[in-house]
Amino acid sequence: MNSSRSCRQFISAVVVLLVGITTSPADSQETIRVAYSSTDTLNSLWTIAADAGFYKKHGLDAEVVYIGSTTVAVSAIVAQDVQIGNGAGSGVANAAVRGADTVSVACFINTLPYELVVLDNIKSAEDLKGKSIGISRFGSVSDVAARELLRGLGLKPMEDVKILQVGGASERAAGFSRKIIAGFPSPPGNVHLIPGGLPHRVLANMADQEKPYPLPFICAVTTKSYLAKKRPVVKRAVMALIETGHFFRTNKEATQKLIAKYLRGANKAYLDSSYESTAKLIERVPYTTREGMKIQLDDALKQNPGSKTTIDNLIDDSIVREIEKEGFIDKIYGKRG
């Protein structure tokens, strides 16, 4: 009897041991779909996190998908086709005022570092009148950038200069090279991607403005319902992206190789220029800029004046606060003196 019981206990112990052995971290990882909205360097945190293994390190089996516009990416997040994705403040605010429960939980770049690239024969704002510039989609970051750059030149968007929906960075460069559009708002370094070396000039640059335009730009966006249900998953995704930001800033050569993997025609001039600009912008502690979100919310409310949406509806800082308080960021970056 005792021998039989001992045998059963031994078998039970072996089963428990085998379960412990076969349930590896990979087996227990949470499966999620993550979206990024451009193949340029500014958006590369999302793909580098996968290729450098940071999602897996934090227990996430992440399928990373490309959706070439903030507007469309936010729609996919609302529909839960994507659980977490890149969404700029414009997309978050526009969706929220229409009733969506979109929320920014972290923001890794909080400004709009764009320049207006135009054909070489356009030497002034006056020369641009009556012509068209290309963006990805209305309501996207490139749309916000186009309008701000035109206003900075004293031009009225859609009146003095038409804005056309063309597509992502590669499509805009192609349309420009065929002179379908006279210019396009470009992230840092993208001017070096213009095929065929078509003569061009930078007519306006956000960096030249007295005060950089505040914008929640490269942000981890989800829905309040998903955050409530899967908060630990969202937290792990933010931690993975924080580690990716540190990797980006401290591993130039490896980062550039991973950027080139996704962007056709990423030559050395582009990689060097875009890397240097982007590395300076990545936030150590990725809080979402409230000033920038307010600008986007105010614009969104003009289209939906009956909405009661507030800044607090659009930003949830609790995960970043928690991560910071736990010392994770100091562990990754080192403590500040």
C-alpha atoms as a PDB file:
ATOM      1  CA  MET A   1       0.000   0.000   0.000  1.00  0.00           C
ATOM      2  CA  ASN A   2       2.735   2.381   1.034  1.00  0.00           C
ATOM      3  CA  SER A   3       4.763   1.255  -1.955  1.00  0.00           C
ATOM      4  CA  SER A   4       1.830   1.984  -4.291  1.00  0.00           C
ATOM      5  CA  ARG A   5       1.265   5.406  -2.775  1.00  0.00           C
ATOM      6  CA  SER A   6       4.966   6.203  -3.012  1.00  0.00           C
ATOM      7  CA  CYS A   7       4.888   5.186  -6.661  1.00  0.00           C
ATOM      8  CA  ARG A   8       1.926   7.470  -7.362  1.00  0.00           C
ATOM      9  CA  GLN A   9       3.665  10.350  -5.551  1.00  0.00           C
ATOM     10  CA  PHE A  10       6.817   9.747  -7.565  1.00  0.00           C
ATOM     11  CA  ILE A  11       4.865   9.761 -10.853  1.00  0.00           C
ATOM     12  CA  SER A  12       3.069  12.978  -9.814  1.00  0.00           C
ATOM     13  CA  ALA A  13       6.375  14.628  -9.016  1.00  0.00           C
ATOM     14  CA  VAL A  14       7.786  13.620 -12.416  1.00  0.00           C
ATOM     15  CA  VAL A  15       4.707  14.999 -14.196  1.00  0.00           C
ATOM     16  CA  VAL A  16       5.040  18.329 -12.359  1.00  0.00           C
ATOM     17  CA  LEU A  17       8.726  18.444 -13.231  1.00  0.00           C
ATOM     18  CA  LEU A  18       8.060  17.700 -16.886  1.00  0.00           C
ATOM     19  CA  VAL A  19       5.365  20.375 -17.063  1.00  0.00           C
ATOM     20  CA  GLY A  20       7.821  22.845 -15.573  1.00  0.00           C
ATOM     21  CA  ILE A  21      10.459  21.863 -18.116  1.00  0.00           C
ATOM     22  CA  THR A  22       8.211  21.933 -21.171  1.00  0.00           C
ATOM     23  CA  THR A  23       6.530  25.227 -20.253  1.00  0.00           C
ATOM     24  CA  SER A  24       9.338  27.467 -21.463  1.00  0.00           C
ATOM     25  CA  PRO A  25       9.125  31.299 -21.520  1.00  0.00           C
ATOM     26  CA  ALA A  26       8.369  31.083 -25.246  1.00  0.00           C
ATOM     27  CA  ASP A  27       5.412  28.798 -24.586  1.00  0.00           C
ATOM     28  CA  SER A  28       3.961  31.197 -22.027  1.00  0.00           C
ATOM     29  CA  GLN A  29       4.409  34.323 -24.120  1.00  0.00           C
ATOM     30  CA  GLU A  30       1.400  36.494 -24.838  1.00  0.00           C
ATOM     31  CA  THR A  31       0.547  36.710 -28.530  1.00  0.00           C
ATOM     32  CA  ILE A  32      -0.186  40.237 -29.739  1.00  0.00           C
ATOM     33  CA  ARG A  33      -0.264  42.140 -32.993  1.00  0.00           C
ATOM     34  CA  VAL A  34       1.688  45.392 -33.088  1.00  0.00           C
ATOM     35  CA  ALA A  35       1.526  47.992 -35.882  1.00  0.00           C
ATOM     36  CA  TYR A  36       3.950  50.605 -37.168  1.00  0.00           C
ATOM     37  CA  SER A  37       2.987  53.270 -39.673  1.00  0.00           C
ATOM     38  CA  SER A  38       6.113  53.978 -41.726  1.00  0.00           C
ATOM     39  CA  THR A  39       9.341  52.259 -42.732  1.00  0.00           C
ATOM     40  CA  ASP A  40      11.461  55.329 -42.014  1.00  0.00           C
ATOM     41  CA  THR A  41      13.936  55.662 -39.161  1.00  0.00           C
ATOM     42  CA  LEU A  42      11.529  57.580 -36.907  1.00  0.00           C
ATOM     43  CA  ASN A  43       9.192  54.554 -36.821  1.00  0.00           C
ATOM     44  CA  SER A  44      11.892  51.901 -36.550  1.00  0.00           C
ATOM     45  CA  LEU A  45      11.543  51.302 -32.783  1.00  0.00           C
ATOM     46  CA  TRP A  46       8.636  48.960 -33.507  1.00  0.00           C
ATOM     47  CA  THR A  47      10.558  46.685 -35.865  1.00  0.00           C
ATOM     48  CA  ILE A  48      13.872  46.853 -34.013  1.00  0.00           C
ATOM     49  CA  ALA A  49      12.075  45.667 -30.863  1.00  0.00           C
ATOM     50  CA  ALA A  50      11.163  42.500 -32.780  1.00  0.00           C
ATOM     51  CA  ASP A  51      14.452  41.960 -34.612  1.00  0.00           C
ATOM     52  CA  ALA A  52      16.622  42.637 -31.545  1.00  0.00           C
ATOM     53  CA  GLY A  53      14.455  40.344 -29.390  1.00  0.00           C
ATOM     54  CA  PHE A  54      13.050  42.845 -26.903  1.00  0.00           C
ATOM     55  CA  TYR A  55       9.422  41.792 -27.299  1.00  0.00           C
ATOM     56  CA  LYS A  56      10.372  38.177 -26.619  1.00  0.00           C
ATOM     57  CA  LYS A  57      12.564  39.219 -23.690  1.00  0.00           C
ATOM     58  CA  HIS A  58       9.479  40.740 -22.092  1.00  0.00           C
ATOM     59  CA  GLY A  59       7.244  37.755 -22.722  1.00  0.00           C
ATOM     60  CA  LEU A  60       5.539  38.874 -25.919  1.00  0.00           C
ATOM     61  CA  ASP A  61       5.115  36.875 -29.096  1.00  0.00           C
ATOM     62  CA  ALA A  62       4.574  39.955 -31.254  1.00  0.00           C
ATOM     63  CA  GLU A  63       3.457  39.934 -34.858  1.00  0.00           C
ATOM     64  CA  VAL A  64       4.628  43.281 -36.201  1.00  0.00           C
ATOM     65  CA  VAL A  65       2.574  44.586 -39.130  1.00  0.00           C
ATOM     66  CA  TYR A  66       2.960  47.608 -41.378  1.00  0.00           C
ATOM     67  CA  ILE A  67      -0.034  49.938 -41.727  1.00  0.00           C
ATOM     68  CA  GLY A  68       1.076  52.957 -43.729  1.00  0.00           C
ATOM     69  CA  SER A  69      -0.863  55.701 -41.945  1.00  0.00           C
ATOM     70  CA  THR A  70      -1.627  56.781 -38.394  1.00  0.00           C
ATOM     71  CA  THR A  71      -5.285  57.163 -39.348  1.00  0.00           C
ATOM     72  CA  VAL A  72      -5.618  53.580 -40.579  1.00  0.00           C
ATOM     73  CA  ALA A  73      -3.456  52.182 -37.767  1.00  0.00           C
ATOM     74  CA  VAL A  74      -5.674  53.791 -35.124  1.00  0.00           C
ATOM     75  CA  SER A  75      -8.758  52.367 -36.844  1.00  0.00           C
ATOM     76  CA  ALA A  76      -7.165  48.904 -36.658  1.00  0.00           C
ATOM     77  CA  ILE A  77      -6.442  49.421 -32.952  1.00  0.00           C
ATOM     78  CA  VAL A  78     -10.046  50.475 -32.303  1.00  0.00           C
ATOM     79  CA  ALA A  79     -11.263  47.372 -34.156  1.00  0.00           C
ATOM     80  CA  GLN A  80      -8.794  45.269 -32.116  1.00  0.00           C
ATOM     81  CA  ASP A  81      -7.241  43.893 -35.289  1.00  0.00           C
ATOM     82  CA  VAL A  82      -4.124  45.343 -33.670  1.00  0.00           C
ATOM     83  CA  GLN A  83      -3.710  45.450 -29.904  1.00  0.00           C
ATOM     84  CA  ILE A  84      -0.942  48.063 -29.619  1.00  0.00           C
ATOM     85  CA  GLY A  85       0.428  50.270 -32.343  1.00  0.00           C
ATOM     86  CA  ASN A  86       2.082  53.474 -33.326  1.00  0.00           C
ATOM     87  CA  GLY A  87      -0.379  56.331 -33.309  1.00  0.00           C
ATOM     88  CA  ALA A  88       0.324  60.043 -33.331  1.00  0.00           C
ATOM     89  CA  GLY A  89      -1.730  62.464 -31.274  1.00  0.00           C
ATOM     90  CA  SER A  90      -3.763  63.504 -34.307  1.00  0.00           C
ATOM     91  CA  GLY A  91      -5.031  59.964 -34.852  1.00  0.00           C
ATOM     92  CA  VAL A  92      -5.751  59.393 -31.158  1.00  0.00           C
ATOM     93  CA  ALA A  93      -7.675  62.659 -30.788  1.00  0.00           C
ATOM     94  CA  ASN A  94      -9.642  62.338 -34.037  1.00  0.00           C
ATOM     95  CA  ALA A  95     -10.778  58.831 -33.103  1.00  0.00           C
ATOM     96  CA  ALA A  96     -11.638  59.761 -29.515  1.00  0.00           C
ATOM     97  CA  VAL A  97     -13.860  62.728 -30.378  1.00  0.00           C
ATOM     98  CA  ARG A  98     -15.861  60.361 -32.580  1.00  0.00           C
ATOM     99  CA  GLY A  99     -16.422  58.038 -29.638  1.00  0.00           C
ATOM    100  CA  ALA A 100     -13.460  55.625 -29.766  1.00  0.00           C
ATOM    101  CA  ASP A 101     -11.688  54.713 -26.504  1.00  0.00           C
ATOM    102  CA  THR A 102      -8.178  55.276 -27.891  1.00  0.00           C
ATOM    103  CA  VAL A 103      -5.444  56.176 -25.418  1.00  0.00           C
ATOM    104  CA  SER A 104      -1.724  56.935 -25.587  1.00  0.00           C
ATOM    105  CA  VAL A 105       0.181  55.051 -22.872  1.00  0.00           C
ATOM    106  CA  ALA A 106       3.722  56.120 -23.818  1.00  0.00           C
ATOM    107  CA  CYS A 107       5.382  58.396 -26.337  1.00  0.00           C
ATOM    108  CA  PHE A 108       8.955  57.941 -27.536  1.00  0.00           C
ATOM    109  CA  ILE A 109       9.173  60.998 -29.800  1.00  0.00           C
ATOM    110  CA  ASN A 110       7.204  64.073 -28.750  1.00  0.00           C
ATOM    111  CA  THR A 111       7.874  66.533 -31.532  1.00  0.00           C
ATOM    112  CA  LEU A 112       7.370  66.816 -35.273  1.00  0.00           C
ATOM    113  CA  PRO A 113      10.828  66.818 -36.901  1.00  0.00           C
ATOM    114  CA  TYR A 114       9.720  67.343 -40.501  1.00  0.00           C
ATOM    115  CA  GLU A 115      11.024  69.414 -43.397  1.00  0.00           C
ATOM    116  CA  LEU A 116       9.304  70.482 -46.614  1.00  0.00           C
ATOM    117  CA  VAL A 117      11.161  69.123 -49.642  1.00  0.00           C
ATOM    118  CA  VAL A 118      10.290  70.815 -52.948  1.00  0.00           C
ATOM    119  CA  LEU A 119      11.417  70.789 -56.556  1.00  0.00           C
ATOM    120  CA  ASP A 120      14.588  72.770 -57.150  1.00  0.00           C
ATOM    121  CA  ASN A 121      12.821  75.417 -59.243  1.00  0.00           C
ATOM    122  CA  ILE A 122      10.628  76.372 -56.266  1.00  0.00           C
ATOM    123  CA  LYS A 123      12.717  78.972 -54.501  1.00  0.00           C
ATOM    124  CA  SER A 124      10.099  80.702 -52.360  1.00  0.00           C
ATOM    125  CA  ALA A 125       6.692  80.288 -50.775  1.00  0.00           C
ATOM    126  CA  GLU A 126       5.224  82.321 -53.645  1.00  0.00           C
ATOM    127  CA  ASP A 127       6.576  79.773 -56.150  1.00  0.00           C
ATOM    128  CA  LEU A 128       4.649  77.021 -54.341  1.00  0.00           C
ATOM    129  CA  LYS A 129       1.261  78.715 -54.765  1.00  0.00           C
ATOM    130  CA  GLY A 130      -1.127  76.819 -57.040  1.00  0.00           C
ATOM    131  CA  LYS A 131       0.864  73.601 -56.760  1.00  0.00           C
ATOM    132  CA  SER A 132       0.366  70.376 -54.768  1.00  0.00           C
ATOM    133  CA  ILE A 133       2.279  68.603 -52.047  1.00  0.00           C
ATOM    134  CA  GLY A 134       1.858  64.954 -51.106  1.00  0.00           C
ATOM    135  CA  ILE A 135       1.003  63.301 -47.782  1.00  0.00           C
ATOM    136  CA  SER A 136       0.058  59.754 -46.761  1.00  0.00           C
ATOM    137  CA  ARG A 137      -3.571  60.340 -45.709  1.00  0.00           C
ATOM    138  CA  PHE A 138      -5.665  63.170 -44.304  1.00  0.00           C
ATOM    139  CA  GLY A 139      -5.450  63.242 -40.509  1.00  0.00           C
ATOM    140  CA  SER A 140      -2.037  61.552 -40.530  1.00  0.00           C
ATOM    141  CA  VAL A 141       1.209  62.963 -39.134  1.00  0.00           C
ATOM    142  CA  SER A 142       2.358  63.932 -42.623  1.00  0.00           C
ATOM    143  CA  ASP A 143      -0.884  65.891 -43.004  1.00  0.00           C
ATOM    144  CA  VAL A 144      -0.259  67.746 -39.721  1.00  0.00           C
ATOM    145  CA  ALA A 145       3.328  68.429 -40.813  1.00  0.00           C
ATOM    146  CA  ALA A 146       2.280  69.674 -44.250  1.00  0.00           C
ATOM    147  CA  ARG A 147      -0.227  72.134 -42.824  1.00  0.00           C
ATOM    148  CA  GLU A 148       2.162  73.461 -40.151  1.00  0.00           C
ATOM    149  CA  LEU A 149       5.016  73.869 -42.626  1.00  0.00           C
ATOM    150  CA  LEU A 150       2.762  75.699 -45.096  1.00  0.00           C
ATOM    151  CA  ARG A 151       1.401  78.000 -42.381  1.00  0.00           C
ATOM    152  CA  GLY A 152       4.988  78.721 -41.321  1.00  0.00           C
ATOM    153  CA  LEU A 153       5.597  79.946 -44.877  1.00  0.00           C
ATOM    154  CA  GLY A 154       2.523  82.175 -44.728  1.00  0.00           C
ATOM    155  CA  LEU A 155       0.529  79.896 -47.045  1.00  0.00           C
ATOM    156  CA  LYS A 156      -3.025  78.639 -46.595  1.00  0.00           C
ATOM    157  CA  PRO A 157      -3.300  74.843 -46.836  1.00  0.00           C
ATOM    158  CA  MET A 158      -5.747  73.654 -49.514  1.00  0.00           C
ATOM    159  CA  GLU A 159      -6.276  77.229 -50.704  1.00  0.00           C
ATOM    160  CA  ASP A 160      -2.807  78.394 -51.735  1.00  0.00           C
ATOM    161  CA  VAL A 161      -1.378  74.878 -51.960  1.00  0.00           C
ATOM    162  CA  LYS A 162      -3.310  71.639 -52.526  1.00  0.00           C
ATOM    163  CA  ILE A 163      -2.627  68.652 -50.297  1.00  0.00           C
ATOM    164  CA  LEU A 164      -2.919  65.252 -51.987  1.00  0.00           C
ATOM    165  CA  GLN A 165      -3.132  61.793 -50.414  1.00  0.00           C
ATOM    166  CA  VAL A 166      -0.273  59.889 -52.053  1.00  0.00           C
ATOM    167  CA  GLY A 167       0.862  57.130 -49.672  1.00  0.00           C
ATOM    168  CA  GLY A 168       3.911  56.336 -47.550  1.00  0.00           C
ATOM    169  CA  ALA A 169       7.438  57.735 -47.723  1.00  0.00           C
ATOM    170  CA  SER A 170       8.432  55.679 -50.782  1.00  0.00           C
ATOM    171  CA  GLU A 171       5.249  56.592 -52.676  1.00  0.00           C
ATOM    172  CA  ARG A 172       5.724  60.277 -51.923  1.00  0.00           C
ATOM    173  CA  ALA A 173       9.320  60.179 -53.132  1.00  0.00           C
ATOM    174  CA  ALA A 174       8.219  58.382 -56.316  1.00  0.00           C
ATOM    175  CA  GLY A 175       5.421  60.909 -56.972  1.00  0.00           C
ATOM    176  CA  PHE A 176       7.903  63.712 -56.430  1.00  0.00           C
ATOM    177  CA  SER A 177      10.465  62.218 -58.824  1.00  0.00           C
ATOM    178  CA  ARG A 178       7.753  62.059 -61.528  1.00  0.00           C
ATOM    179  CA  LYS A 179       6.704  65.636 -60.657  1.00  0.00           C
ATOM    180  CA  ILE A 180       3.151  64.578 -59.839  1.00  0.00           C
ATOM    181  CA  ILE A 181       3.613  66.617 -56.672  1.00  0.00           C
ATOM    182  CA  ALA A 182       5.812  69.675 -56.207  1.00  0.00           C
ATOM    183  CA  GLY A 183       6.877  68.712 -52.700  1.00  0.00           C
ATOM    184  CA  PHE A 184       6.246  66.605 -49.636  1.00  0.00           C
ATOM    185  CA  PRO A 185       6.793  66.793 -45.877  1.00  0.00           C
ATOM    186  CA  SER A 186       9.771  64.625 -45.080  1.00  0.00           C
ATOM    187  CA  PRO A 187      11.100  63.086 -41.870  1.00  0.00           C
ATOM    188  CA  PRO A 188      14.824  63.631 -41.202  1.00  0.00           C
ATOM    189  CA  GLY A 189      17.036  62.301 -43.981  1.00  0.00           C
ATOM    190  CA  ASN A 190      14.225  61.155 -46.283  1.00  0.00           C
ATOM    191  CA  VAL A 191      15.360  63.645 -48.893  1.00  0.00           C
ATOM    192  CA  HIS A 192      18.210  61.202 -49.592  1.00  0.00           C
ATOM    193  CA  LEU A 193      15.676  58.563 -50.686  1.00  0.00           C
ATOM    194  CA  ILE A 194      14.504  60.489 -53.758  1.00  0.00           C
ATOM    195  CA  PRO A 195      15.114  58.146 -56.696  1.00  0.00           C
ATOM    196  CA  GLY A 196      17.216  59.341 -59.605  1.00  0.00           C
ATOM    197  CA  GLY A 197      18.725  62.252 -57.711  1.00  0.00           C
ATOM    198  CA  LEU A 198      16.072  64.727 -58.879  1.00  0.00           C
ATOM    199  CA  PRO A 199      17.228  68.265 -57.971  1.00  0.00           C
ATOM    200  CA  HIS A 200      15.446  69.498 -54.894  1.00  0.00           C
ATOM    201  CA  ARG A 201      15.665  71.895 -51.981  1.00  0.00           C
ATOM    202  CA  VAL A 202      14.373  72.098 -48.412  1.00  0.00           C
ATOM    203  CA  LEU A 203      12.024  75.067 -48.395  1.00  0.00           C
ATOM    204  CA  ALA A 204      11.095  74.901 -44.692  1.00  0.00           C
ATOM    205  CA  ASN A 205      12.253  72.942 -41.665  1.00  0.00           C
ATOM    206  CA  MET A 206      10.516  72.473 -38.330  1.00  0.00           C
ATOM    207  CA  ALA A 207      13.927  72.523 -36.668  1.00  0.00           C
ATOM    208  CA  ASP A 208      14.334  76.157 -37.737  1.00  0.00           C
ATOM    209  CA  GLN A 209      11.223  77.221 -35.873  1.00  0.00           C
ATOM    210  CA  GLU A 210      11.792  79.163 -32.670  1.00  0.00           C
ATOM    211  CA  LYS A 211       9.934  76.551 -30.637  1.00  0.00           C
ATOM    212  CA  PRO A 212       9.743  72.926 -31.865  1.00  0.00           C
ATOM    213  CA  TYR A 213       6.186  71.897 -32.653  1.00  0.00           C
ATOM    214  CA  PRO A 214       5.019  69.656 -29.786  1.00  0.00           C
ATOM    215  CA  LEU A 215       3.307  66.509 -31.031  1.00  0.00           C
ATOM    216  CA  PRO A 216       2.794  63.045 -29.571  1.00  0.00           C
ATOM    217  CA  PHE A 217       4.389  61.376 -32.599  1.00  0.00           C
ATOM    218  CA  ILE A 218       5.882  57.919 -32.013  1.00  0.00           C
ATOM    219  CA  CYS A 219       3.492  56.675 -29.344  1.00  0.00           C
ATOM    220  CA  ALA A 220       2.263  53.352 -27.999  1.00  0.00           C
ATOM    221  CA  VAL A 221      -1.494  53.520 -28.490  1.00  0.00           C
ATOM    222  CA  THR A 222      -4.148  51.044 -27.432  1.00  0.00           C
ATOM    223  CA  THR A 223      -7.755  51.172 -26.279  1.00  0.00           C
ATOM    224  CA  LYS A 224      -8.932  51.691 -22.722  1.00  0.00           C
ATOM    225  CA  SER A 225     -10.839  48.417 -22.896  1.00  0.00           C
ATOM    226  CA  TYR A 226      -7.720  46.453 -23.900  1.00  0.00           C
ATOM    227  CA  LEU A 227      -5.632  48.276 -21.295  1.00  0.00           C
ATOM    228  CA  ALA A 228      -8.130  47.362 -18.567  1.00  0.00           C
ATOM    229  CA  LYS A 229      -8.191  43.727 -19.662  1.00  0.00           C
ATOM    230  CA  LYS A 230      -4.497  43.241 -20.495  1.00  0.00           C
ATOM    231  CA  ARG A 231      -2.601  45.881 -18.533  1.00  0.00           C
ATOM    232  CA  PRO A 232       0.439  43.618 -17.845  1.00  0.00           C
ATOM    233  CA  VAL A 233       0.771  42.982 -21.594  1.00  0.00           C
ATOM    234  CA  VAL A 234       0.706  46.696 -22.394  1.00  0.00           C
ATOM    235  CA  LYS A 235       3.258  47.325 -19.653  1.00  0.00           C
ATOM    236  CA  ARG A 236       5.601  44.682 -21.078  1.00  0.00           C
ATOM    237  CA  ALA A 237       5.274  46.212 -24.552  1.00  0.00           C
ATOM    238  CA  VAL A 238       6.227  49.643 -23.198  1.00  0.00           C
ATOM    239  CA  MET A 239       9.201  48.131 -21.359  1.00  0.00           C
ATOM    240  CA  ALA A 240      10.322  46.413 -24.572  1.00  0.00           C
ATOM    241  CA  LEU A 241      10.139  49.712 -26.449  1.00  0.00           C
ATOM    242  CA  ILE A 242      12.051  51.560 -23.724  1.00  0.00           C
ATOM    243  CA  GLU A 243      14.849  48.996 -24.047  1.00  0.00           C
ATOM    244  CA  THR A 244      14.689  49.387 -27.812  1.00  0.00           C
ATOM    245  CA  GLY A 245      15.097  53.151 -27.442  1.00  0.00           C
ATOM    246  CA  HIS A 246      18.260  52.619 -25.418  1.00  0.00           C
ATOM    247  CA  PHE A 247      19.532  50.075 -27.961  1.00  0.00           C
ATOM    248  CA  PHE A 248      18.869  52.569 -30.755  1.00  0.00           C
ATOM    249  CA  ARG A 249      20.773  55.343 -29.031  1.00  0.00           C
ATOM    250  CA  THR A 250      23.785  53.210 -28.116  1.00  0.00           C
ATOM    251  CA  ASN A 251      24.183  50.806 -31.076  1.00  0.00           C
ATOM    252  CA  LYS A 252      24.405  52.915 -34.210  1.00  0.00           C
ATOM    253  CA  GLU A 253      25.749  50.311 -36.650  1.00  0.00           C
ATOM    254  CA  ALA A 254      23.383  47.521 -35.568  1.00  0.00           C
ATOM    255  CA  THR A 255      20.443  49.940 -35.607  1.00  0.00           C
ATOM    256  CA  GLN A 256      21.228  51.154 -39.110  1.00  0.00           C
ATOM    257  CA  LYS A 257      21.380  47.579 -40.420  1.00  0.00           C
ATOM    258  CA  LEU A 258      17.943  46.849 -38.971  1.00  0.00           C
ATOM    259  CA  ILE A 259      16.509  50.073 -40.440  1.00  0.00           C
ATOM    260  CA  ALA A 260      17.881  49.191 -43.894  1.00  0.00           C
ATOM    261  CA  LYS A 261      16.139  45.800 -43.693  1.00  0.00           C
ATOM    262  CA  TYR A 262      12.725  47.487 -44.032  1.00  0.00           C
ATOM    263  CA  LEU A 263      13.402  50.569 -46.152  1.00  0.00           C
ATOM    264  CA  ARG A 264      14.196  50.221 -49.830  1.00  0.00           C
ATOM    265  CA  GLY A 265      16.965  52.492 -51.007  1.00  0.00           C
ATOM    266  CA  ALA A 266      18.227  53.303 -47.507  1.00  0.00           C
ATOM    267  CA  ASN A 267      21.641  54.568 -48.572  1.00  0.00           C
ATOM    268  CA  LYS A 268      24.438  55.670 -46.240  1.00  0.00           C
ATOM    269  CA  ALA A 269      23.548  59.367 -46.508  1.00  0.00           C
ATOM    270  CA  TYR A 270      19.987  58.611 -45.412  1.00  0.00           C
ATOM    271  CA  LEU A 271      21.005  56.227 -42.615  1.00  0.00           C
ATOM    272  CA  ASP A 272      23.560  58.636 -41.141  1.00  0.00           C
ATOM    273  CA  SER A 273      21.339  61.714 -41.364  1.00  0.00           C
ATOM    274  CA  SER A 274      18.173  60.079 -40.063  1.00  0.00           C
ATOM    275  CA  TYR A 275      19.974  58.189 -37.294  1.00  0.00           C
ATOM    276  CA  GLU A 276      21.670  61.271 -35.867  1.00  0.00           C
ATOM    277  CA  SER A 277      18.424  63.257 -35.867  1.00  0.00           C
ATOM    278  CA  THR A 278      16.269  60.493 -34.413  1.00  0.00           C
ATOM    279  CA  ALA A 279      18.691  59.411 -31.691  1.00  0.00           C
ATOM    280  CA  LYS A 280      18.481  62.910 -30.195  1.00  0.00           C
ATOM    281  CA  LEU A 281      14.688  62.800 -30.077  1.00  0.00           C
ATOM    282  CA  ILE A 282      14.002  59.441 -28.391  1.00  0.00           C
ATOM    283  CA  GLU A 283      12.650  60.000 -24.899  1.00  0.00           C
ATOM    284  CA  ARG A 284      14.409  58.348 -21.975  1.00  0.00           C
ATOM    285  CA  VAL A 285      11.179  58.456 -19.954  1.00  0.00           C
ATOM    286  CA  PRO A 286       8.390  58.251 -22.546  1.00  0.00           C
ATOM    287  CA  TYR A 287       5.603  60.402 -21.161  1.00  0.00           C
ATOM    288  CA  THR A 288       3.146  61.711 -23.745  1.00  0.00           C
ATOM    289  CA  THR A 289       3.341  65.488 -24.219  1.00  0.00           C
ATOM    290  CA  ARG A 290       0.152  67.039 -22.881  1.00  0.00           C
ATOM    291  CA  GLU A 291       0.852  70.342 -24.614  1.00  0.00           C
ATOM    292  CA  GLY A 292       1.112  68.578 -27.950  1.00  0.00           C
ATOM    293  CA  MET A 293      -1.969  66.447 -27.342  1.00  0.00           C
ATOM    294  CA  LYS A 294      -3.985  69.557 -26.476  1.00  0.00           C
ATOM    295  CA  ILE A 295      -3.172  71.049 -29.880  1.00  0.00           C
ATOM    296  CA  GLN A 296      -4.389  67.887 -31.594  1.00  0.00           C
ATOM    297  CA  LEU A 297      -7.496  67.680 -29.418  1.00  0.00           C
ATOM    298  CA  ASP A 298      -8.394  71.321 -30.119  1.00  0.00           C
ATOM    299  CA  ASP A 299      -8.139  70.637 -33.871  1.00  0.00           C
ATOM    300  CA  ALA A 300     -10.235  67.469 -33.576  1.00  0.00           C
ATOM    301  CA  LEU A 301     -12.927  69.271 -31.566  1.00  0.00           C
ATOM    302  CA  LYS A 302     -13.389  71.776 -34.393  1.00  0.00           C
ATOM    303  CA  GLN A 303     -14.771  68.887 -36.449  1.00  0.00           C
ATOM    304  CA  ASN A 304     -16.770  67.430 -33.529  1.00  0.00           C
ATOM    305  CA  PRO A 305     -17.693  70.410 -31.302  1.00  0.00           C
ATOM    306  CA  GLY A 306     -20.214  68.396 -29.304  1.00  0.00           C
ATOM    307  CA  SER A 307     -17.597  65.973 -27.961  1.00  0.00           C
ATOM    308  CA  LYS A 308     -16.733  66.134 -24.248  1.00  0.00           C
ATOM    309  CA  THR A 309     -13.295  64.563 -24.772  1.00  0.00           C
ATOM    310  CA  THR A 310     -10.496  65.924 -22.553  1.00  0.00           C
ATOM    311  CA  ILE A 311      -6.726  65.478 -22.441  1.00  0.00           C
ATOM    312  CA  ASP A 312      -7.134  63.001 -19.582  1.00  0.00           C
ATOM    313  CA  ASN A 313      -9.311  60.873 -21.862  1.00  0.00           C
ATOM    314  CA  LEU A 314      -6.472  60.634 -24.386  1.00  0.00           C
ATOM    315  CA  ILE A 315      -3.429  60.001 -22.172  1.00  0.00           C
ATOM    316  CA  ASP A 316      -2.811  57.350 -19.518  1.00  0.00           C
ATOM    317  CA  ASP A 317       0.573  57.976 -17.876  1.00  0.00           C
ATOM    318  CA  SER A 318       0.154  55.319 -15.211  1.00  0.00           C
ATOM    319  CA  ILE A 319       2.250  52.617 -16.878  1.00  0.00           C
ATOM    320  CA  VAL A 320       5.228  54.906 -17.534  1.00  0.00           C
ATOM    321  CA  ARG A 321       4.994  56.250 -13.965  1.00  0.00           C
ATOM    322  CA  GLU A 322       4.966  52.709 -12.626  1.00  0.00           C
ATOM    323  CA  ILE A 323       7.928  51.633 -14.767  1.00  0.00           C
ATOM    324  CA  GLU A 324       9.891  54.724 -13.746  1.00  0.00           C
ATOM    325  CA  LYS A 325       9.104  54.269 -10.052  1.00  0.00           C
ATOM    326  CA  GLU A 326      10.207  50.630 -10.159  1.00  0.00           C
ATOM    327  CA  GLY A 327      13.663  51.720 -11.360  1.00  0.00           C
ATOM    328  CA  PHE A 328      13.484  49.935 -14.714  1.00  0.00           C
ATOM    329  CA  ILE A 329      14.525  52.987 -16.727  1.00  0.00           C
ATOM    330  CA  ASP A 330      17.487  53.733 -14.464  1.00  0.00           C
ATOM    331  CA  LYS A 331      18.513  50.090 -14.809  1.00  0.00           C
ATOM    332  CA  ILE A 332      18.461  50.319 -18.616  1.00  0.00           C
ATOM    333  CA  TYR A 333      19.947  53.781 -19.053  1.00  0.00           C
ATOM    334  CA  GLY A 334      21.879  54.150 -15.812  1.00  0.00           C
ATOM    335  CA  LYS A 335      21.011  56.577 -13.072  1.00  0.00           C
ATOM    336  CA  ARG A 336      21.246  60.258 -13.793  1.00  0.00           C
ATOM    337  CA  GLY A 337      23.807  62.175 -11.823  1.00  0.00           C
END
